[in-house]
Protein backbone atom coordinates (compact mmCIF):
# COMPACT_ATOMS: atom_id res chain seq x y z
CA MET A 1 22.86 -8.03 32.60
CA MET A 2 22.90 -4.24 32.76
CA HIS A 3 25.11 -2.39 30.33
CA SER A 4 28.39 -1.55 32.10
CA SER A 5 28.83 1.93 30.64
CA ARG A 6 25.56 3.69 29.99
CA VAL A 7 25.34 6.66 27.67
CA THR A 8 23.29 9.58 28.98
CA LEU A 9 21.21 11.12 26.21
CA PRO A 10 19.80 14.65 26.25
CA ALA A 11 16.15 15.00 27.24
CA ALA A 12 15.16 16.52 23.87
CA PHE A 13 15.60 14.61 20.61
CA GLU A 14 16.72 17.76 18.76
CA VAL A 15 20.05 17.81 20.63
CA ALA A 16 20.72 14.07 20.63
CA GLU A 17 23.60 12.79 18.51
CA ILE A 18 22.15 11.53 15.26
CA ASP A 19 24.12 8.26 15.38
CA ASN A 20 22.57 7.42 18.76
CA LEU A 21 19.16 8.20 17.30
CA ALA A 22 19.88 5.90 14.35
CA PHE A 23 20.95 3.14 16.75
CA LEU A 24 17.71 3.39 18.73
CA ILE A 25 15.53 3.38 15.63
CA ALA A 26 17.43 0.48 14.07
CA ASN A 27 17.18 -1.49 17.32
CA MET A 28 13.41 -1.13 17.35
CA LEU A 29 12.98 -1.87 13.64
CA GLU A 30 15.20 -4.96 13.83
CA ARG A 31 13.03 -6.39 16.61
CA LEU A 32 9.92 -5.65 14.61
CA ILE A 33 11.45 -7.30 11.54
CA SER A 34 12.43 -10.36 13.59
CA HIS A 35 8.79 -10.84 14.54
CA ASN A 36 7.25 -10.02 11.17
CA ASP A 37 9.59 -12.32 9.25
CA LYS A 38 7.79 -15.20 10.96
CA ILE A 39 4.47 -14.18 9.39
CA PRO A 40 3.82 -16.24 6.22
CA LEU A 41 3.87 -14.18 3.04
CA SER A 42 0.64 -14.11 1.04
CA PRO A 43 -0.08 -12.70 -2.45
CA GLU A 44 -2.39 -9.95 -1.17
CA SER A 45 0.26 -8.72 1.26
CA LEU A 46 2.80 -7.97 -1.47
CA THR A 47 3.53 -4.28 -2.02
CA ARG A 48 5.86 -2.09 -4.04
CA PHE A 49 8.16 -2.10 -1.01
CA HIS A 50 8.94 -5.82 -1.26
CA SER A 51 12.42 -6.74 -2.45
CA ARG A 52 13.14 -9.95 -4.32
CA ALA A 53 15.83 -10.79 -1.76
CA VAL A 54 16.89 -9.58 1.67
CA PRO A 55 19.39 -6.68 1.29
CA ASN A 56 22.87 -7.53 2.51
CA ILE A 57 23.15 -4.44 4.71
CA SER A 58 21.81 -4.09 8.24
CA VAL A 59 19.16 -1.52 9.10
CA LEU A 60 21.66 0.41 11.24
CA ASP A 61 24.30 0.51 8.51
CA TYR A 62 21.64 1.52 6.00
CA LEU A 63 20.53 4.40 8.21
CA ARG A 64 24.15 5.46 8.72
CA ARG A 65 24.72 5.41 4.98
CA ILE A 66 21.67 7.64 4.45
CA ILE A 67 22.79 10.01 7.22
CA LYS A 68 26.28 10.29 5.78
CA TRP A 69 25.32 11.08 2.20
CA THR A 70 22.01 12.93 2.52
CA LYS A 71 22.45 14.83 5.81
CA VAL A 72 18.93 13.82 6.79
CA GLU A 73 17.42 15.72 9.71
CA LYS A 74 16.68 14.02 13.02
CA SER A 75 12.98 14.79 12.78
CA CYS A 76 12.81 12.86 9.50
CA LEU A 77 14.36 9.81 11.12
CA LEU A 78 11.76 9.84 13.89
CA LEU A 79 8.97 10.52 11.42
CA THR A 80 9.79 7.18 9.81
CA LEU A 81 8.34 5.53 12.92
CA HIS A 82 5.25 7.69 12.69
CA TYR A 83 4.83 6.66 9.05
CA VAL A 84 5.10 2.98 10.03
CA ASP A 85 2.25 3.52 12.46
CA GLN A 86 0.17 5.38 9.88
CA ILE A 87 0.57 2.75 7.18
CA CYS A 88 -0.06 -0.15 9.56
CA ALA A 89 -3.29 1.54 10.62
CA ARG A 90 -4.43 2.11 7.04
CA MET A 91 -3.07 -1.10 5.50
CA PRO A 92 -3.53 -3.99 7.96
CA LEU A 93 -1.82 -6.49 5.64
CA PHE A 94 1.38 -4.45 5.41
CA THR A 95 4.31 -5.73 7.45
CA LEU A 96 7.69 -4.13 7.95
CA SER A 97 9.95 -7.12 7.28
CA SER A 98 13.45 -7.84 6.03
CA LEU A 99 12.02 -7.66 2.50
CA THR A 100 10.28 -4.27 2.93
CA CYS A 101 12.21 -2.30 5.54
CA HIS A 102 15.01 -0.84 3.42
CA ARG A 103 12.76 0.36 0.60
CA PHE A 104 10.34 1.75 3.16
CA ILE A 105 13.13 3.69 4.88
CA ILE A 106 14.54 5.30 1.73
CA ALA A 107 11.04 6.18 0.51
CA SER A 108 10.22 7.67 3.90
CA ILE A 109 13.40 9.76 4.05
CA THR A 110 12.90 10.97 0.47
CA VAL A 111 9.29 12.01 0.96
CA CYS A 112 9.83 13.55 4.38
CA SER A 113 12.95 15.52 3.43
CA LYS A 114 11.41 16.89 0.25
CA GLY A 115 8.13 17.74 1.93
CA LEU A 116 9.31 19.23 5.21
CA CYS A 117 12.94 20.32 5.01
CA ASP A 118 14.44 23.50 3.57
CA SER A 119 17.38 21.55 2.17
CA PHE A 120 17.07 18.17 0.47
CA CYS A 121 18.66 16.02 -2.24
CA THR A 122 17.53 14.97 -5.67
CA ASN A 123 15.77 11.66 -6.21
CA ALA A 124 18.80 10.53 -8.18
CA LEU A 125 20.98 10.89 -5.08
CA TYR A 126 18.45 9.32 -2.72
CA ALA A 127 18.15 6.38 -5.12
CA ARG A 128 21.90 5.95 -5.40
CA VAL A 129 22.33 6.06 -1.61
CA GLY A 130 19.40 3.69 -1.17
CA GLY A 131 20.75 1.22 -3.71
CA ILE A 132 17.76 1.25 -6.08
CA PRO A 133 17.14 2.71 -9.57
CA VAL A 134 15.72 6.24 -9.57
CA THR A 135 12.71 5.04 -11.57
CA GLU A 136 11.91 2.60 -8.77
CA LEU A 137 12.27 5.31 -6.13
CA ASN A 138 9.86 7.49 -8.09
CA VAL A 139 7.29 4.69 -7.97
CA LEU A 140 7.93 4.09 -4.25
CA GLU A 141 7.54 7.79 -3.55
CA ARG A 142 4.10 7.89 -5.14
CA GLU A 143 3.06 4.66 -3.42
CA PHE A 144 4.30 5.93 -0.08
CA LEU A 145 2.37 9.20 -0.31
CA ARG A 146 -0.77 7.30 -1.27
CA ALA A 147 -0.30 4.89 1.66
CA ILE A 148 -0.03 7.69 4.24
CA ASP A 149 -2.79 9.68 2.53
CA TRP A 150 -0.35 12.59 2.08
CA ARG A 151 -0.23 13.12 5.85
CA LEU A 152 3.43 14.04 6.19
CA THR A 153 3.42 15.93 9.47
CA CYS A 154 2.88 15.35 13.15
CA THR A 155 3.54 17.48 16.21
CA ARG A 156 6.88 17.96 17.88
CA GLU A 157 5.36 16.40 21.02
CA VAL A 158 4.62 13.17 19.16
CA LEU A 159 8.21 12.93 17.91
CA GLN A 160 9.49 13.61 21.42
CA GLU A 161 7.31 10.80 22.75
CA TYR A 162 8.75 8.41 20.18
CA TYR A 163 12.26 9.45 21.24
CA VAL A 164 11.65 9.09 24.99
CA ASN A 165 10.03 5.70 24.65
CA LEU A 166 12.62 4.42 22.17
CA VAL A 167 15.20 4.98 24.90
CA ARG A 168 13.04 3.21 27.47
CA ALA A 169 12.35 0.27 25.15
CA ASP A 170 15.94 -0.09 23.89
CA SER A 171 16.92 -3.74 24.21
CA SER A 172 20.65 -3.03 24.57
CA GLY A 173 20.29 -1.21 27.91
CA ARG A 174 22.93 1.15 26.62
CA PHE A 175 21.11 4.46 26.98
CA VAL A 176 19.42 6.55 29.65
CA LEU A 177 17.80 9.95 29.35
CA ALA A 178 19.27 12.91 31.20
CA GLY A 179 17.38 13.35 34.44
CA ALA A 180 16.17 9.77 34.46
CA GLU A 181 19.25 8.21 36.08
CA SER A 182 17.62 8.15 39.52
CA GLU A 183 14.73 6.15 38.13
CA VAL A 184 17.02 3.52 36.65
CA GLU A 185 18.31 2.04 39.89
CA ASP A 186 14.78 1.57 41.22
CA SER A 187 13.63 -0.19 38.09
CA ASP A 188 16.73 -2.14 37.02
CA MET A 189 15.15 -5.56 37.49
CA ASP A 190 11.95 -4.59 35.71
CA SER A 191 13.76 -3.05 32.77
CA VAL A 192 16.11 -6.02 32.38
CA SER A 193 13.14 -8.36 32.37
CA SER A 194 11.24 -6.33 29.78
CA ARG A 195 14.26 -6.07 27.49
CA SER A 196 15.06 -9.77 27.63
CA ALA A 197 11.55 -10.77 26.61
CA SER A 198 10.32 -10.78 23.04
CA PRO A 199 8.70 -7.43 22.19
CA MET A 200 5.91 -9.32 20.47
CA ASP A 201 5.05 -11.86 23.16
CA GLU A 202 1.76 -10.26 24.15
CA GLN A 203 0.34 -9.36 20.74
CA ALA A 204 1.20 -11.18 17.55
CA ARG A 205 0.10 -8.39 15.26
CA HIS A 206 1.21 -7.02 11.90
CA ARG A 207 2.12 -3.64 13.38
CA PRO A 208 4.60 -2.39 16.00
CA THR A 209 3.63 -3.45 19.51
CA PHE A 210 6.59 -2.12 21.45
CA SER A 211 5.96 -0.07 24.58
CA LEU A 212 6.36 3.27 22.86
CA LEU A 213 3.29 4.85 24.40
CA GLY A 214 4.18 5.12 28.05
CA ASN A 215 0.95 4.99 30.03
CA ARG A 216 -1.41 4.99 27.05
CA GLU A 217 -3.16 2.02 25.55
CA PRO A 218 -0.79 -0.87 24.59
CA SER A 219 -0.25 0.18 21.00
CA THR A 220 2.40 2.26 19.30
CA ILE A 221 -0.13 4.05 17.15
CA LEU A 222 0.35 7.64 18.24
CA ILE A 223 -2.32 8.96 15.91
CA ASP A 224 -6.06 8.92 16.28
CA THR A 225 -6.87 5.91 14.16
CA ALA A 226 -10.52 6.94 14.10
CA THR A 227 -9.52 9.71 11.71
CA LEU A 228 -8.02 7.22 9.27
CA ALA A 229 -9.87 5.27 6.64
CA PRO A 230 -8.52 1.70 6.59
CA GLN A 231 -8.35 0.26 3.12
CA VAL A 232 -10.94 -2.42 2.43
CA SER A 233 -9.34 -5.85 2.32
CA GLN A 234 -9.58 -7.33 -1.15
CA GLY A 235 -8.28 -10.40 -2.87
CA PRO A 236 -4.84 -10.31 -4.52
CA THR A 237 -4.57 -8.59 -7.87
CA ILE A 238 -3.16 -10.29 -10.95
CA GLU A 239 0.02 -8.29 -10.49
CA GLN A 240 0.32 -9.46 -6.87
CA ASN A 241 -0.25 -13.09 -7.82
CA MET A 242 2.42 -12.90 -10.53
CA ALA A 243 4.88 -11.17 -8.22
CA PHE A 244 4.17 -13.69 -5.45
CA ALA A 245 4.78 -16.64 -7.78
CA ALA A 246 8.05 -15.10 -8.98
CA LEU A 247 9.18 -14.43 -5.43
CA GLN A 248 8.33 -17.95 -4.27
CA GLN A 249 10.24 -19.42 -7.20
CA LEU A 250 13.21 -17.21 -6.37
CA LEU A 251 13.15 -18.21 -2.70
CA ARG A 252 13.09 -21.92 -3.62
CA LYS A 253 16.28 -21.64 -5.65
CA PRO A 254 19.37 -23.04 -3.87
CA PRO A 255 21.85 -20.34 -2.74
């Protein structure tokens, strides 16, 4: 069913309301998490971003909390999606799941804000808002920069493409871009069908496979992956095996 009262968003992401932007990003990440949570966890896939338990706050509420207390810029929110694509290209075993998403988000916002914005917060504040110790955020920050190979930036055009296609791929049917209303009526049936289907039906992969690329190849990687050096797959480290055993034991405990 089509959404009864659609919200028309501005054509450019810079003038969109930040709460609408947070809603769109959370919607996409939640669908990605829903798919990736079905992928069995293995010792070699454990990272610094894994929590011992699923945080009891939704992705949208977490983003809203960050927005409220850190005044994060819209470009940094969209760059989080770009960083997901970068890390998935470089680290094929990494999955954005209910155990990794929140730590990934706060690390992304911290790194991006400090690296690209004129005004930013201290790590102590980012950690408090993110709900983790500052020592842990410091470790996540270093791990995050290593994972993206210190490539913090992308073009404005790439961010705009993320924004436009987030609106098109939104599963709620709540939003439409200014100037695109005339296209909606002609494609109502197609858009309803695409939103009701699982975003991962066609490709069960460990990276985003939503239609965020428009007419490009069916991948959300908006960077030239040929320029990246994927990390060589290796067996789990001792630390990963110990962490995996501890996590499995924790998950087996009755609630």
